[in-house]
Amino acid sequence: MARSDTDSWDLASSVGATATMVAAARAIASAEPDPLIDDPYAADLVRAVGVEFFTKLVDGEIALDGELAEGAALMTGVMAVRTKFFDDFFTAAVGGNSTEVAVGGNSTDAGIRQAVILASGLDSRAYRLPWPDGTVVYELDQPAVIGAKTATMAKIGATPTAERRTVAVDLRDDWPAALEAAGFDRAAPSAWSAEGLLAYLPPEAQDRLFDNITALSSPGSRLATEYHLPGMAADLRERGQVLSEQWRQHGLDLDLANLWYDGERNSVVDYLTDRGWSVTARRRPDLFADYGRTFPTADSAALQRNSQSVIAIRN
């Protein structure tokens, strides 16, 4: 079913199911030999959602071969690097020990004490990153998504490593007001993540998201996001159709092809620069190399090859 301005979802449907897909990739990546990331909660979160395909995937109960194996390996590799990128971003922003490779390999600890995870899905950073004392982590997502994750983490006995404040709000609504009502201080510097989000927004909503972040960000604030280069909507749709057909053979009826919004988008780099941010962007193969990984050469990886990882600092 095509997206609309009033659609909603949980972690087993529509856009929400992609959060479960990403968590499955994090679980698999965490179990690899010499893993790049360690997300000890991802597998439990996936199992709690109850989508049989993803549960069997993390439990190794699906035989991967051919195109399915290639697609799973690509997804796992990309998500491992993407997760590490955002982990390092937050660790550096709050003053931890990180090389923050995406901004050139220089340690840039900023001492920020409020972090905002937009469209948080099954993100477990509030529970697994070494946040300094006094850090508040705000998680924003649909009420059903926030409620399900919170209940699962409580059930498995997970304890946040920062003060976690959930903001159950649709990003199409007045989320800045909801965020401030939860205690966010726009006068203090903040660290923001918009991970795996932009492609699911209409072009004008992408601009509005960055306008709101800019209005809420004092000088020294930081933002990490990703940017697919212009003209990639058709490629995203085509790749989504291929994955959907592969997964349907294993009992998962999720139409990835209709989750994206068409339309010409503004360059994230240019848009943020024009609004007072200093922006650095790296192509995904370069980010792989920074983490000692080799980007896949398969044709199926072409879409990811042309995406950029972005870090911006508010002037």
C-alpha atoms as a PDB file:
ATOM      1  CA  MET A   1       0.000   0.000   0.000  1.00  0.00           C
ATOM      2  CA  ALA A   2       1.309   3.457  -0.961  1.00  0.00           C
ATOM      3  CA  ARG A   3       2.216   5.943   1.765  1.00  0.00           C
ATOM      4  CA  SER A   4      -0.160   8.740   2.748  1.00  0.00           C
ATOM      5  CA  ASP A   5      -0.070  11.788   5.008  1.00  0.00           C
ATOM      6  CA  THR A   6      -2.169  10.018   7.630  1.00  0.00           C
ATOM      7  CA  ASP A   7      -0.775   6.473   7.627  1.00  0.00           C
ATOM      8  CA  SER A   8       0.490   4.888  10.843  1.00  0.00           C
ATOM      9  CA  TRP A   9       2.384   1.743  11.728  1.00  0.00           C
ATOM     10  CA  ASP A  10       3.751  -0.541  14.382  1.00  0.00           C
ATOM     11  CA  LEU A  11       6.984  -2.550  14.356  1.00  0.00           C
ATOM     12  CA  ALA A  12       5.464  -5.287  12.195  1.00  0.00           C
ATOM     13  CA  SER A  13       3.999  -3.124   9.434  1.00  0.00           C
ATOM     14  CA  SER A  14       4.912  -0.499   6.851  1.00  0.00           C
ATOM     15  CA  VAL A  15       7.830   1.770   7.836  1.00  0.00           C
ATOM     16  CA  GLY A  16       7.897   0.260  11.318  1.00  0.00           C
ATOM     17  CA  ALA A  17       8.826  -3.131   9.921  1.00  0.00           C
ATOM     18  CA  THR A  18      11.970  -1.611   8.421  1.00  0.00           C
ATOM     19  CA  ALA A  19      13.073  -0.792  11.979  1.00  0.00           C
ATOM     20  CA  THR A  20      12.730  -4.485  12.778  1.00  0.00           C
ATOM     21  CA  MET A  21      14.670  -5.337   9.614  1.00  0.00           C
ATOM     22  CA  VAL A  22      17.491  -3.002  10.684  1.00  0.00           C
ATOM     23  CA  ALA A  23      17.527  -4.478  14.191  1.00  0.00           C
ATOM     24  CA  ALA A  24      17.796  -7.961  12.651  1.00  0.00           C
ATOM     25  CA  ALA A  25      20.820  -6.796  10.667  1.00  0.00           C
ATOM     26  CA  ARG A  26      22.392  -5.378  13.841  1.00  0.00           C
ATOM     27  CA  ALA A  27      21.795  -8.659  15.650  1.00  0.00           C
ATOM     28  CA  ILE A  28      23.448 -10.670  12.874  1.00  0.00           C
ATOM     29  CA  ALA A  29      26.357  -8.215  12.622  1.00  0.00           C
ATOM     30  CA  SER A  30      26.898  -8.372  16.386  1.00  0.00           C
ATOM     31  CA  ALA A  31      27.208 -12.172  16.217  1.00  0.00           C
ATOM     32  CA  GLU A  32      29.861 -12.165  13.483  1.00  0.00           C
ATOM     33  CA  PRO A  33      33.485 -13.081  14.189  1.00  0.00           C
ATOM     34  CA  ASP A  34      35.417  -9.886  14.994  1.00  0.00           C
ATOM     35  CA  PRO A  35      32.221  -7.788  14.933  1.00  0.00           C
ATOM     36  CA  LEU A  36      32.320  -4.076  14.180  1.00  0.00           C
ATOM     37  CA  ILE A  37      29.415  -3.417  16.554  1.00  0.00           C
ATOM     38  CA  ASP A  38      27.921  -4.961  19.673  1.00  0.00           C
ATOM     39  CA  ASP A  39      24.173  -4.589  20.097  1.00  0.00           C
ATOM     40  CA  PRO A  40      23.238  -7.107  22.809  1.00  0.00           C
ATOM     41  CA  TYR A  41      19.547  -6.167  22.684  1.00  0.00           C
ATOM     42  CA  ALA A  42      18.822  -6.343  18.955  1.00  0.00           C
ATOM     43  CA  ALA A  43      17.954 -10.039  18.765  1.00  0.00           C
ATOM     44  CA  ASP A  44      15.581  -9.893  21.751  1.00  0.00           C
ATOM     45  CA  LEU A  45      13.855  -6.841  20.297  1.00  0.00           C
ATOM     46  CA  VAL A  46      13.374  -8.590  16.966  1.00  0.00           C
ATOM     47  CA  ARG A  47      11.957 -11.699  18.631  1.00  0.00           C
ATOM     48  CA  ALA A  48       9.540  -9.568  20.662  1.00  0.00           C
ATOM     49  CA  VAL A  49       8.093  -7.977  17.524  1.00  0.00           C
ATOM     50  CA  GLY A  50       7.179 -11.450  16.346  1.00  0.00           C
ATOM     51  CA  VAL A  51       7.672 -11.187  12.577  1.00  0.00           C
ATOM     52  CA  GLU A  52       8.521 -14.806  11.806  1.00  0.00           C
ATOM     53  CA  PHE A  53      10.892 -14.095   8.916  1.00  0.00           C
ATOM     54  CA  PHE A  54      13.077 -11.692  10.917  1.00  0.00           C
ATOM     55  CA  THR A  55      12.996 -13.924  13.994  1.00  0.00           C
ATOM     56  CA  LYS A  56      14.161 -16.920  11.977  1.00  0.00           C
ATOM     57  CA  LEU A  57      16.794 -14.756  10.319  1.00  0.00           C
ATOM     58  CA  VAL A  58      18.416 -13.724  13.626  1.00  0.00           C
ATOM     59  CA  ASP A  59      18.117 -17.278  14.960  1.00  0.00           C
ATOM     60  CA  GLY A  60      19.830 -18.738  11.880  1.00  0.00           C
ATOM     61  CA  GLU A  61      16.792 -20.793  10.906  1.00  0.00           C
ATOM     62  CA  ILE A  62      16.563 -19.587   7.305  1.00  0.00           C
ATOM     63  CA  ALA A  63      18.866 -21.100   4.718  1.00  0.00           C
ATOM     64  CA  LEU A  64      20.549 -18.226   2.902  1.00  0.00           C
ATOM     65  CA  ASP A  65      21.727 -18.867  -0.627  1.00  0.00           C
ATOM     66  CA  GLY A  66      21.899 -17.117  -3.967  1.00  0.00           C
ATOM     67  CA  GLU A  67      20.429 -13.631  -4.150  1.00  0.00           C
ATOM     68  CA  LEU A  68      18.945 -13.910  -0.667  1.00  0.00           C
ATOM     69  CA  ALA A  69      22.372 -14.569   0.817  1.00  0.00           C
ATOM     70  CA  GLU A  70      23.902 -11.717  -1.162  1.00  0.00           C
ATOM     71  CA  GLY A  71      21.178  -9.328  -0.050  1.00  0.00           C
ATOM     72  CA  ALA A  72      21.445 -10.383   3.590  1.00  0.00           C
ATOM     73  CA  ALA A  73      25.228  -9.965   3.569  1.00  0.00           C
ATOM     74  CA  LEU A  74      24.923  -6.495   2.023  1.00  0.00           C
ATOM     75  CA  MET A  75      22.269  -5.412   4.506  1.00  0.00           C
ATOM     76  CA  THR A  76      24.285  -6.710   7.459  1.00  0.00           C
ATOM     77  CA  GLY A  77      27.496  -5.070   6.298  1.00  0.00           C
ATOM     78  CA  VAL A  78      25.881  -1.729   5.577  1.00  0.00           C
ATOM     79  CA  MET A  79      23.998  -1.672   8.869  1.00  0.00           C
ATOM     80  CA  ALA A  80      27.106  -2.576  10.845  1.00  0.00           C
ATOM     81  CA  VAL A  81      29.028   0.359   9.356  1.00  0.00           C
ATOM     82  CA  ARG A  82      26.035   2.678   9.643  1.00  0.00           C
ATOM     83  CA  THR A  83      25.503   1.729  13.281  1.00  0.00           C
ATOM     84  CA  LYS A  84      29.176   2.277  14.082  1.00  0.00           C
ATOM     85  CA  PHE A  85      29.075   5.680  12.390  1.00  0.00           C
ATOM     86  CA  PHE A  86      26.170   6.884  14.547  1.00  0.00           C
ATOM     87  CA  ASP A  87      27.604   5.250  17.676  1.00  0.00           C
ATOM     88  CA  ASP A  88      30.858   7.131  17.196  1.00  0.00           C
ATOM     89  CA  PHE A  89      28.999  10.354  16.454  1.00  0.00           C
ATOM     90  CA  PHE A  90      27.153  10.268  19.768  1.00  0.00           C
ATOM     91  CA  THR A  91      30.184   9.095  21.734  1.00  0.00           C
ATOM     92  CA  ALA A  92      32.226  12.017  20.432  1.00  0.00           C
ATOM     93  CA  ALA A  93      29.423  14.530  20.900  1.00  0.00           C
ATOM     94  CA  VAL A  94      28.970  13.770  24.596  1.00  0.00           C
ATOM     95  CA  GLY A  95      32.678  13.625  25.334  1.00  0.00           C
ATOM     96  CA  GLY A  96      33.601   9.958  25.139  1.00  0.00           C
ATOM     97  CA  ASN A  97      36.652   8.414  23.547  1.00  0.00           C
ATOM     98  CA  SER A  98      35.955   8.205  19.825  1.00  0.00           C
ATOM     99  CA  THR A  99      37.968   8.909  16.696  1.00  0.00           C
ATOM    100  CA  GLU A 100      34.772  10.009  14.902  1.00  0.00           C
ATOM    101  CA  VAL A 101      36.136   8.827  11.578  1.00  0.00           C
ATOM    102  CA  ALA A 102      33.435  10.528   9.548  1.00  0.00           C
ATOM    103  CA  VAL A 103      34.925  13.972  10.190  1.00  0.00           C
ATOM    104  CA  GLY A 104      38.437  13.102   9.186  1.00  0.00           C
ATOM    105  CA  GLY A 105      39.804  10.969  11.983  1.00  0.00           C
ATOM    106  CA  ASN A 106      40.126  13.704  14.598  1.00  0.00           C
ATOM    107  CA  SER A 107      38.795  13.270  18.120  1.00  0.00           C
ATOM    108  CA  THR A 108      36.230  16.014  18.615  1.00  0.00           C
ATOM    109  CA  ASP A 109      34.704  15.545  22.064  1.00  0.00           C
ATOM    110  CA  ALA A 110      32.060  18.221  22.600  1.00  0.00           C
ATOM    111  CA  GLY A 111      30.645  17.575  26.064  1.00  0.00           C
ATOM    112  CA  ILE A 112      27.003  17.750  24.946  1.00  0.00           C
ATOM    113  CA  ARG A 113      24.504  16.423  27.493  1.00  0.00           C
ATOM    114  CA  GLN A 114      21.264  16.101  25.515  1.00  0.00           C
ATOM    115  CA  ALA A 115      20.854  13.722  22.588  1.00  0.00           C
ATOM    116  CA  VAL A 116      17.837  13.339  20.317  1.00  0.00           C
ATOM    117  CA  ILE A 117      17.179  10.171  18.326  1.00  0.00           C
ATOM    118  CA  LEU A 118      14.546  10.904  15.679  1.00  0.00           C
ATOM    119  CA  ALA A 119      12.404   7.984  14.461  1.00  0.00           C
ATOM    120  CA  SER A 120      14.139   5.850  17.080  1.00  0.00           C
ATOM    121  CA  GLY A 121      12.514   2.536  16.158  1.00  0.00           C
ATOM    122  CA  LEU A 122      14.395  -0.307  17.838  1.00  0.00           C
ATOM    123  CA  ASP A 123      17.501   1.805  18.475  1.00  0.00           C
ATOM    124  CA  SER A 124      19.087   0.676  21.767  1.00  0.00           C
ATOM    125  CA  ARG A 125      21.731   3.385  22.161  1.00  0.00           C
ATOM    126  CA  ALA A 126      20.075   4.750  25.300  1.00  0.00           C
ATOM    127  CA  TYR A 127      20.831   1.350  26.864  1.00  0.00           C
ATOM    128  CA  ARG A 128      24.185   0.360  25.400  1.00  0.00           C
ATOM    129  CA  LEU A 129      26.349   3.444  24.825  1.00  0.00           C
ATOM    130  CA  PRO A 130      28.603   4.732  27.655  1.00  0.00           C
ATOM    131  CA  TRP A 131      26.783   8.012  28.241  1.00  0.00           C
ATOM    132  CA  PRO A 132      28.425  10.389  30.760  1.00  0.00           C
ATOM    133  CA  ASP A 133      26.545  11.228  33.950  1.00  0.00           C
ATOM    134  CA  GLY A 134      23.884  13.855  33.387  1.00  0.00           C
ATOM    135  CA  THR A 135      23.150  12.928  29.780  1.00  0.00           C
ATOM    136  CA  VAL A 136      19.512  12.880  28.692  1.00  0.00           C
ATOM    137  CA  VAL A 137      18.574  10.839  25.623  1.00  0.00           C
ATOM    138  CA  TYR A 138      15.271  11.705  23.942  1.00  0.00           C
ATOM    139  CA  GLU A 139      13.695   9.056  21.709  1.00  0.00           C
ATOM    140  CA  LEU A 140      10.986  10.165  19.269  1.00  0.00           C
ATOM    141  CA  ASP A 141       8.716   7.804  17.356  1.00  0.00           C
ATOM    142  CA  GLN A 142       5.129   6.700  16.848  1.00  0.00           C
ATOM    143  CA  PRO A 143       3.365   5.818  20.124  1.00  0.00           C
ATOM    144  CA  ALA A 144       2.994   2.117  19.204  1.00  0.00           C
ATOM    145  CA  VAL A 145       6.707   1.857  18.414  1.00  0.00           C
ATOM    146  CA  ILE A 146       7.828   3.602  21.603  1.00  0.00           C
ATOM    147  CA  GLY A 147       5.465   1.539  23.742  1.00  0.00           C
ATOM    148  CA  ALA A 148       6.511  -1.812  22.295  1.00  0.00           C
ATOM    149  CA  LYS A 149      10.236  -1.182  22.669  1.00  0.00           C
ATOM    150  CA  THR A 150       9.909   0.195  26.194  1.00  0.00           C
ATOM    151  CA  ALA A 151       7.898  -2.844  27.276  1.00  0.00           C
ATOM    152  CA  THR A 152      10.370  -5.287  25.737  1.00  0.00           C
ATOM    153  CA  MET A 153      13.405  -3.649  27.316  1.00  0.00           C
ATOM    154  CA  ALA A 154      11.712  -3.716  30.716  1.00  0.00           C
ATOM    155  CA  LYS A 155      10.772  -7.363  30.251  1.00  0.00           C
ATOM    156  CA  ILE A 156      14.351  -8.438  29.494  1.00  0.00           C
ATOM    157  CA  GLY A 157      15.701  -6.363  32.376  1.00  0.00           C
ATOM    158  CA  ALA A 158      17.581  -3.782  30.294  1.00  0.00           C
ATOM    159  CA  THR A 159      18.538  -0.596  32.123  1.00  0.00           C
ATOM    160  CA  PRO A 160      19.258   2.691  30.332  1.00  0.00           C
ATOM    161  CA  THR A 161      22.799   4.021  30.676  1.00  0.00           C
ATOM    162  CA  ALA A 162      21.487   7.596  30.465  1.00  0.00           C
ATOM    163  CA  GLU A 163      18.303   9.327  31.486  1.00  0.00           C
ATOM    164  CA  ARG A 164      15.962   8.109  28.756  1.00  0.00           C
ATOM    165  CA  ARG A 165      12.941  10.244  27.929  1.00  0.00           C
ATOM    166  CA  THR A 166      10.505   8.957  25.331  1.00  0.00           C
ATOM    167  CA  VAL A 167       8.464  11.314  23.169  1.00  0.00           C
ATOM    168  CA  ALA A 168       5.608   9.405  21.556  1.00  0.00           C
ATOM    169  CA  VAL A 169       4.831  11.630  18.605  1.00  0.00           C
ATOM    170  CA  ASP A 170       4.435  11.423  14.846  1.00  0.00           C
ATOM    171  CA  LEU A 171       7.102  13.514  13.114  1.00  0.00           C
ATOM    172  CA  ARG A 172       4.330  14.932  10.905  1.00  0.00           C
ATOM    173  CA  ASP A 173       2.845  16.561  14.027  1.00  0.00           C
ATOM    174  CA  ASP A 174       4.293  19.303  16.238  1.00  0.00           C
ATOM    175  CA  TRP A 175       7.163  17.218  17.538  1.00  0.00           C
ATOM    176  CA  PRO A 176       9.342  20.231  18.539  1.00  0.00           C
ATOM    177  CA  ALA A 177       6.664  21.244  21.055  1.00  0.00           C
ATOM    178  CA  ALA A 178       6.404  17.674  22.340  1.00  0.00           C
ATOM    179  CA  LEU A 179      10.185  17.468  22.661  1.00  0.00           C
ATOM    180  CA  GLU A 180      10.392  20.696  24.651  1.00  0.00           C
ATOM    181  CA  ALA A 181       7.495  19.571  26.830  1.00  0.00           C
ATOM    182  CA  ALA A 182       9.619  16.523  27.701  1.00  0.00           C
ATOM    183  CA  GLY A 183      12.368  18.818  28.982  1.00  0.00           C
ATOM    184  CA  PHE A 184      14.548  19.523  25.946  1.00  0.00           C
ATOM    185  CA  ASP A 185      16.461  22.804  26.330  1.00  0.00           C
ATOM    186  CA  ARG A 186      16.998  24.637  23.061  1.00  0.00           C
ATOM    187  CA  ALA A 187      19.459  26.997  24.764  1.00  0.00           C
ATOM    188  CA  ALA A 188      21.876  24.112  25.440  1.00  0.00           C
ATOM    189  CA  PRO A 189      23.865  22.328  22.711  1.00  0.00           C
ATOM    190  CA  SER A 190      22.380  19.084  21.490  1.00  0.00           C
ATOM    191  CA  ALA A 191      23.295  16.033  19.401  1.00  0.00           C
ATOM    192  CA  TRP A 192      20.779  14.816  16.827  1.00  0.00           C
ATOM    193  CA  SER A 193      20.498  11.675  14.721  1.00  0.00           C
ATOM    194  CA  ALA A 194      18.256  11.184  11.699  1.00  0.00           C
ATOM    195  CA  GLU A 195      19.287   7.643  10.818  1.00  0.00           C
ATOM    196  CA  GLY A 196      17.574   5.795   7.976  1.00  0.00           C
ATOM    197  CA  LEU A 197      14.835   8.418   7.975  1.00  0.00           C
ATOM    198  CA  LEU A 198      15.038  10.875   5.095  1.00  0.00           C
ATOM    199  CA  ALA A 199      13.970   8.534   2.292  1.00  0.00           C
ATOM    200  CA  TYR A 200      10.697   7.880   4.135  1.00  0.00           C
ATOM    201  CA  LEU A 201       9.842  11.597   4.181  1.00  0.00           C
ATOM    202  CA  PRO A 202       8.362  13.659   1.331  1.00  0.00           C
ATOM    203  CA  PRO A 203      10.911  16.191   0.009  1.00  0.00           C
ATOM    204  CA  GLU A 204       9.182  19.134   1.686  1.00  0.00           C
ATOM    205  CA  ALA A 205       9.047  17.226   4.993  1.00  0.00           C
ATOM    206  CA  GLN A 206      12.797  16.638   4.791  1.00  0.00           C
ATOM    207  CA  ASP A 207      13.337  20.391   4.567  1.00  0.00           C
ATOM    208  CA  ARG A 208      10.882  21.013   7.400  1.00  0.00           C
ATOM    209  CA  LEU A 209      12.694  18.471   9.579  1.00  0.00           C
ATOM    210  CA  PHE A 210      15.993  20.300   9.151  1.00  0.00           C
ATOM    211  CA  ASP A 211      14.317  23.672   9.679  1.00  0.00           C
ATOM    212  CA  ASN A 212      12.956  22.441  13.011  1.00  0.00           C
ATOM    213  CA  ILE A 213      16.286  20.936  14.061  1.00  0.00           C
ATOM    214  CA  THR A 214      18.034  24.201  13.185  1.00  0.00           C
ATOM    215  CA  ALA A 215      15.537  26.248  15.202  1.00  0.00           C
ATOM    216  CA  LEU A 216      16.067  23.984  18.220  1.00  0.00           C
ATOM    217  CA  SER A 217      19.874  23.841  17.992  1.00  0.00           C
ATOM    218  CA  SER A 218      22.110  26.300  19.799  1.00  0.00           C
ATOM    219  CA  PRO A 219      25.665  26.937  18.541  1.00  0.00           C
ATOM    220  CA  GLY A 220      27.865  23.867  18.951  1.00  0.00           C
ATOM    221  CA  SER A 221      25.010  21.438  18.405  1.00  0.00           C
ATOM    222  CA  ARG A 222      25.638  18.465  16.134  1.00  0.00           C
ATOM    223  CA  LEU A 223      23.647  16.449  13.653  1.00  0.00           C
ATOM    224  CA  ALA A 224      24.347  13.107  11.992  1.00  0.00           C
ATOM    225  CA  THR A 225      22.281  11.844   9.084  1.00  0.00           C
ATOM    226  CA  GLU A 226      22.484  10.095   5.724  1.00  0.00           C
ATOM    227  CA  TYR A 227      21.807  11.384   2.259  1.00  0.00           C
ATOM    228  CA  HIS A 228      21.001   9.479  -0.903  1.00  0.00           C
ATOM    229  CA  LEU A 229      22.207  11.424  -3.912  1.00  0.00           C
ATOM    230  CA  PRO A 230      19.592  13.054  -6.191  1.00  0.00           C
ATOM    231  CA  GLY A 231      17.654  10.855  -8.577  1.00  0.00           C
ATOM    232  CA  MET A 232      17.775   7.741  -6.399  1.00  0.00           C
ATOM    233  CA  ALA A 233      14.042   7.403  -5.650  1.00  0.00           C
ATOM    234  CA  ALA A 234      13.502   5.117  -8.639  1.00  0.00           C
ATOM    235  CA  ASP A 235      16.486   2.983  -7.621  1.00  0.00           C
ATOM    236  CA  LEU A 236      15.170   2.711  -4.059  1.00  0.00           C
ATOM    237  CA  ARG A 237      11.799   1.602  -5.371  1.00  0.00           C
ATOM    238  CA  GLU A 238      13.341  -0.966  -7.719  1.00  0.00           C
ATOM    239  CA  ARG A 239      15.577  -2.405  -5.006  1.00  0.00           C
ATOM    240  CA  GLY A 240      12.649  -2.511  -2.610  1.00  0.00           C
ATOM    241  CA  GLN A 241      10.643  -4.519  -5.116  1.00  0.00           C
ATOM    242  CA  VAL A 242      13.453  -7.055  -5.504  1.00  0.00           C
ATOM    243  CA  LEU A 243      13.809  -7.527  -1.742  1.00  0.00           C
ATOM    244  CA  SER A 244      10.056  -7.803  -1.278  1.00  0.00           C
ATOM    245  CA  GLU A 245       9.843 -10.581  -3.850  1.00  0.00           C
ATOM    246  CA  GLN A 246      12.714 -12.480  -2.252  1.00  0.00           C
ATOM    247  CA  TRP A 247      11.243 -12.187   1.227  1.00  0.00           C
ATOM    248  CA  ARG A 248       7.750 -13.115   0.063  1.00  0.00           C
ATOM    249  CA  GLN A 249       9.101 -16.562  -0.851  1.00  0.00           C
ATOM    250  CA  HIS A 250       9.903 -16.968   2.853  1.00  0.00           C
ATOM    251  CA  GLY A 251       6.488 -15.856   4.054  1.00  0.00           C
ATOM    252  CA  LEU A 252       7.084 -12.127   4.658  1.00  0.00           C
ATOM    253  CA  ASP A 253       4.565  -9.902   2.889  1.00  0.00           C
ATOM    254  CA  LEU A 254       6.163  -6.464   3.206  1.00  0.00           C
ATOM    255  CA  ASP A 255       6.009  -4.095   0.243  1.00  0.00           C
ATOM    256  CA  LEU A 256       9.245  -2.141   0.471  1.00  0.00           C
ATOM    257  CA  ALA A 257       8.728  -0.635  -2.979  1.00  0.00           C
ATOM    258  CA  ASN A 258       5.976   1.722  -1.816  1.00  0.00           C
ATOM    259  CA  LEU A 259       7.554   3.088   1.339  1.00  0.00           C
ATOM    260  CA  TRP A 260       9.577   5.780  -0.429  1.00  0.00           C
ATOM    261  CA  TYR A 261       8.480   9.228  -1.519  1.00  0.00           C
ATOM    262  CA  ASP A 262       9.249  10.481  -5.013  1.00  0.00           C
ATOM    263  CA  GLY A 263      10.127  14.046  -5.912  1.00  0.00           C
ATOM    264  CA  GLU A 264      13.247  16.153  -6.254  1.00  0.00           C
ATOM    265  CA  ARG A 265      15.022  16.774  -2.955  1.00  0.00           C
ATOM    266  CA  ASN A 266      17.335  19.496  -1.814  1.00  0.00           C
ATOM    267  CA  SER A 267      20.909  18.475  -1.147  1.00  0.00           C
ATOM    268  CA  VAL A 268      21.272  17.874   2.581  1.00  0.00           C
ATOM    269  CA  VAL A 269      24.794  19.292   2.496  1.00  0.00           C
ATOM    270  CA  ASP A 270      23.742  22.495   0.730  1.00  0.00           C
ATOM    271  CA  TYR A 271      20.547  22.922   2.721  1.00  0.00           C
ATOM    272  CA  LEU A 272      22.261  22.675   6.094  1.00  0.00           C
ATOM    273  CA  THR A 273      25.202  24.813   4.988  1.00  0.00           C
ATOM    274  CA  ASP A 274      22.834  27.584   3.915  1.00  0.00           C
ATOM    275  CA  ARG A 275      21.242  27.478   7.375  1.00  0.00           C
ATOM    276  CA  GLY A 276      24.375  27.947   9.404  1.00  0.00           C
ATOM    277  CA  TRP A 277      25.870  24.466   9.758  1.00  0.00           C
ATOM    278  CA  SER A 278      29.404  23.351   8.955  1.00  0.00           C
ATOM    279  CA  VAL A 279      28.914  20.109   7.063  1.00  0.00           C
ATOM    280  CA  THR A 280      31.156  17.148   6.257  1.00  0.00           C
ATOM    281  CA  ALA A 281      29.973  14.264   4.065  1.00  0.00           C
ATOM    282  CA  ARG A 282      31.593  10.955   3.163  1.00  0.00           C
ATOM    283  CA  ARG A 283      30.491   8.398   0.595  1.00  0.00           C
ATOM    284  CA  ARG A 284      29.667   5.003   2.011  1.00  0.00           C
ATOM    285  CA  PRO A 285      32.637   3.141   0.420  1.00  0.00           C
ATOM    286  CA  ASP A 286      34.976   5.650   2.073  1.00  0.00           C
ATOM    287  CA  LEU A 287      33.243   5.109   5.407  1.00  0.00           C
ATOM    288  CA  PHE A 288      33.691   1.350   4.991  1.00  0.00           C
ATOM    289  CA  ALA A 289      37.403   1.923   4.404  1.00  0.00           C
ATOM    290  CA  ASP A 290      37.648   4.116   7.513  1.00  0.00           C
ATOM    291  CA  TYR A 291      36.414   1.154   9.550  1.00  0.00           C
ATOM    292  CA  GLY A 292      38.710  -1.345   7.855  1.00  0.00           C
ATOM    293  CA  ARG A 293      35.937  -2.862   5.745  1.00  0.00           C
ATOM    294  CA  THR A 294      35.755  -3.327   1.967  1.00  0.00           C
ATOM    295  CA  PHE A 295      32.607  -2.125   0.271  1.00  0.00           C
ATOM    296  CA  PRO A 296      30.898  -4.876  -1.789  1.00  0.00           C
ATOM    297  CA  THR A 297      31.329  -4.822  -5.551  1.00  0.00           C
ATOM    298  CA  ALA A 298      28.078  -6.641  -6.373  1.00  0.00           C
ATOM    299  CA  ASP A 299      25.547  -4.837  -8.572  1.00  0.00           C
ATOM    300  CA  SER A 300      23.045  -4.955  -5.721  1.00  0.00           C
ATOM    301  CA  ALA A 301      25.336  -2.637  -3.734  1.00  0.00           C
ATOM    302  CA  ALA A 302      25.202   0.176  -6.295  1.00  0.00           C
ATOM    303  CA  LEU A 303      22.370   1.959  -4.483  1.00  0.00           C
ATOM    304  CA  GLN A 304      24.265   2.070  -1.183  1.00  0.00           C
ATOM    305  CA  ARG A 305      27.498   3.052  -2.910  1.00  0.00           C
ATOM    306  CA  ASN A 306      26.022   6.413  -3.862  1.00  0.00           C
ATOM    307  CA  SER A 307      24.820   7.414  -0.403  1.00  0.00           C
ATOM    308  CA  GLN A 308      26.628   9.776   1.942  1.00  0.00           C
ATOM    309  CA  SER A 309      27.087   9.896   5.702  1.00  0.00           C
ATOM    310  CA  VAL A 310      26.778  13.446   6.984  1.00  0.00           C
ATOM    311  CA  ILE A 311      27.895  15.230  10.155  1.00  0.00           C
ATOM    312  CA  ALA A 312      26.995  18.885  10.703  1.00  0.00           C
ATOM    313  CA  ILE A 313      27.991  21.318  13.467  1.00  0.00           C
ATOM    314  CA  ARG A 314      25.858  24.380  14.212  1.00  0.00           C
ATOM    315  CA  ASN A 315      27.775  27.628  13.853  1.00  0.00           C
END
